Structure formats: structure tokens, C-alpha cells
């Protein structure tokens, strides 16, 4: 368990989630504020080289429906890591664009 490797992975995942968030925003803007149900819906809204680099299999979409229905964006999770890391942590992306690393309960 190399702490430097774990930290680098967290930085990478956080960066990816923020890039995916920008793509979510473009998607919603062109689709009546709808949140995509699947990552494949985002492909036309990201540059080909950027979308190809997204490791979408590492994340899951948590929110659904319409952006305008989100009443507390700072508390509404859009995406999260599918699995916890070796320290039991997941990275979460919220509707207001911030990310958090949270330890999962066993």
C-alpha cells in the first residue's frame, strides 16, 4: 500500500470526475436539463480524445432526472467511484461541482 500511489490515483480520479462534470453540463444544456442515464450519452458532448480517456467503468451515475429538480446541489451526488480504494474511500462528485473523498462504512 504505497501512500503516494494511492494519492496519485485520487488526484487522477478527481480530475476525471471534474472533466465528466463539464460534459454533464454540456449534455444537460442540450437536453432540456436532463441528467444522462448512461455515460454513452455523453460521447457527442466531449472531444473524442477526452472521451476516450474517461475511465467511465470506474464510476457510476447516482443522480437521475432533471438538473432543475435538484434542490440542494451541494448535497446531491451525481457520480461516485464504483469501488472503494484500499483505504475504504470513494470519490464523490456533487451537483454543484465539488468533489469529496469519503471513507465508506464497512
Protein backbone atom coordinates (compact mmCIF):
# COMPACT_ATOMS: atom_id res chain seq x y z
CA UNK A 1 0.00 0.00 0.00
CA UNK A 2 2.08 2.87 -1.30
CA UNK A 3 0.55 6.14 0.00
CA UNK A 4 2.00 8.11 -2.92
CA UNK A 5 0.34 5.79 -5.44
CA UNK A 6 -2.99 5.98 -3.62
CA UNK A 7 -2.80 9.77 -3.51
CA UNK A 8 -1.91 9.96 -7.22
CA UNK A 9 -4.91 7.76 -8.01
CA UNK A 10 -7.21 10.05 -6.00
CA UNK A 11 -5.88 13.10 -7.86
CA UNK A 12 -6.42 11.34 -11.20
CA UNK A 13 -9.97 10.25 -10.33
CA UNK A 14 -10.88 13.70 -9.03
CA UNK A 15 -9.61 15.25 -12.26
CA UNK A 16 -11.61 12.76 -14.33
CA UNK A 17 -14.79 13.41 -12.35
CA UNK A 18 -14.41 17.16 -12.89
CA UNK A 19 -13.96 16.63 -16.64
CA UNK A 20 -17.01 14.36 -16.71
CA UNK A 21 -18.96 17.02 -14.78
CA UNK A 22 -18.21 19.57 -17.52
CA UNK A 23 -19.50 17.08 -20.07
CA UNK A 24 -22.64 16.52 -17.95
CA UNK A 25 -23.27 20.28 -18.02
CA UNK A 26 -22.91 20.47 -21.81
CA UNK A 27 -25.19 17.43 -22.17
CA UNK A 28 -27.85 18.92 -19.89
CA UNK A 29 -27.72 22.23 -21.73
CA UNK A 30 -28.65 20.50 -24.97
CA UNK A 31 -31.16 18.03 -23.49
CA UNK A 32 -33.73 20.04 -21.52
CA UNK A 33 -31.59 19.93 -18.33
CA UNK A 34 -31.82 16.14 -18.21
CA UNK A 35 -29.13 14.21 -16.34
CA UNK A 36 -27.75 11.44 -18.57
CA UNK A 37 -28.73 7.92 -17.58
CA UNK A 38 -25.62 6.37 -19.12
CA UNK A 39 -22.09 7.53 -19.92
CA UNK A 40 -22.57 6.63 -23.59
CA UNK A 41 -24.97 9.57 -23.88
CA UNK A 42 -22.07 11.93 -23.13
CA UNK A 43 -19.89 10.91 -26.07
CA UNK A 44 -21.17 13.59 -28.51
CA UNK A 45 -20.58 16.28 -25.84
CA UNK A 46 -16.88 15.60 -25.20
CA UNK A 47 -13.92 15.89 -27.52
CA UNK A 48 -13.09 12.45 -28.92
CA UNK A 49 -9.66 12.34 -27.30
CA UNK A 50 -11.12 13.41 -23.94
CA UNK A 51 -13.99 10.90 -24.00
CA UNK A 52 -11.60 8.10 -24.98
CA UNK A 53 -9.57 8.91 -21.86
CA UNK A 54 -12.54 8.74 -19.49
CA UNK A 55 -12.42 5.56 -17.46
CA UNK A 56 -16.20 5.51 -17.16
CA UNK A 57 -16.18 1.91 -15.95
CA UNK A 58 -14.62 3.23 -12.72
CA UNK A 59 -17.64 5.43 -11.92
CA UNK A 60 -21.37 5.18 -11.54
CA UNK A 61 -24.05 7.78 -12.15
CA UNK A 62 -26.03 8.24 -8.94
CA UNK A 63 -28.42 11.10 -9.75
CA UNK A 64 -31.21 10.90 -12.28
CA UNK A 65 -33.92 13.12 -13.66
CA UNK A 66 -33.58 16.83 -14.27
CA UNK A 67 -30.97 19.33 -13.02
CA UNK A 68 -33.71 21.83 -12.20
CA UNK A 69 -35.22 19.35 -9.72
CA UNK A 70 -32.03 19.32 -7.63
CA UNK A 71 -32.80 21.45 -4.60
CA UNK A 72 -29.51 21.06 -2.74
CA UNK A 73 -26.70 20.80 -5.31
CA UNK A 74 -24.02 20.85 -2.61
CA UNK A 75 -25.60 17.73 -1.07
CA UNK A 76 -26.67 15.87 -4.23
CA UNK A 77 -24.24 13.24 -5.51
CA UNK A 78 -24.05 13.00 -9.31
CA UNK A 79 -21.26 10.44 -9.65
CA UNK A 80 -19.03 8.33 -7.47
CA UNK A 81 -16.30 5.76 -7.74
CA UNK A 82 -17.77 2.29 -8.23
CA UNK A 83 -15.48 0.77 -5.62
CA UNK A 84 -13.68 1.93 -2.54
CA UNK A 85 -9.90 2.11 -2.67
CA UNK A 86 -7.63 0.11 -0.35
CA UNK A 87 -8.23 2.66 2.41
CA UNK A 88 -12.00 2.21 2.09
CA UNK A 89 -12.52 5.58 0.39
CA UNK A 90 -14.60 6.65 -2.59
CA UNK A 91 -14.57 9.89 -4.53
CA UNK A 92 -17.92 11.65 -4.95
CA UNK A 93 -18.89 14.41 -7.37
CA UNK A 94 -21.75 16.68 -6.31
CA UNK A 95 -24.18 18.63 -8.48
CA UNK A 96 -22.54 21.94 -7.53
CA UNK A 97 -19.25 20.65 -8.98
CA UNK A 98 -17.30 19.94 -5.81
CA UNK A 99 -15.75 16.58 -5.02
CA UNK A 100 -15.27 14.79 -1.73
CA UNK A 101 -13.29 11.76 -0.71
CA UNK A 102 -15.28 9.82 1.85
CA UNK A 103 -14.47 6.72 3.84
CA UNK A 104 -17.10 4.06 3.36
CA UNK A 105 -18.56 2.25 6.35
CA UNK A 106 -17.74 -1.48 6.38
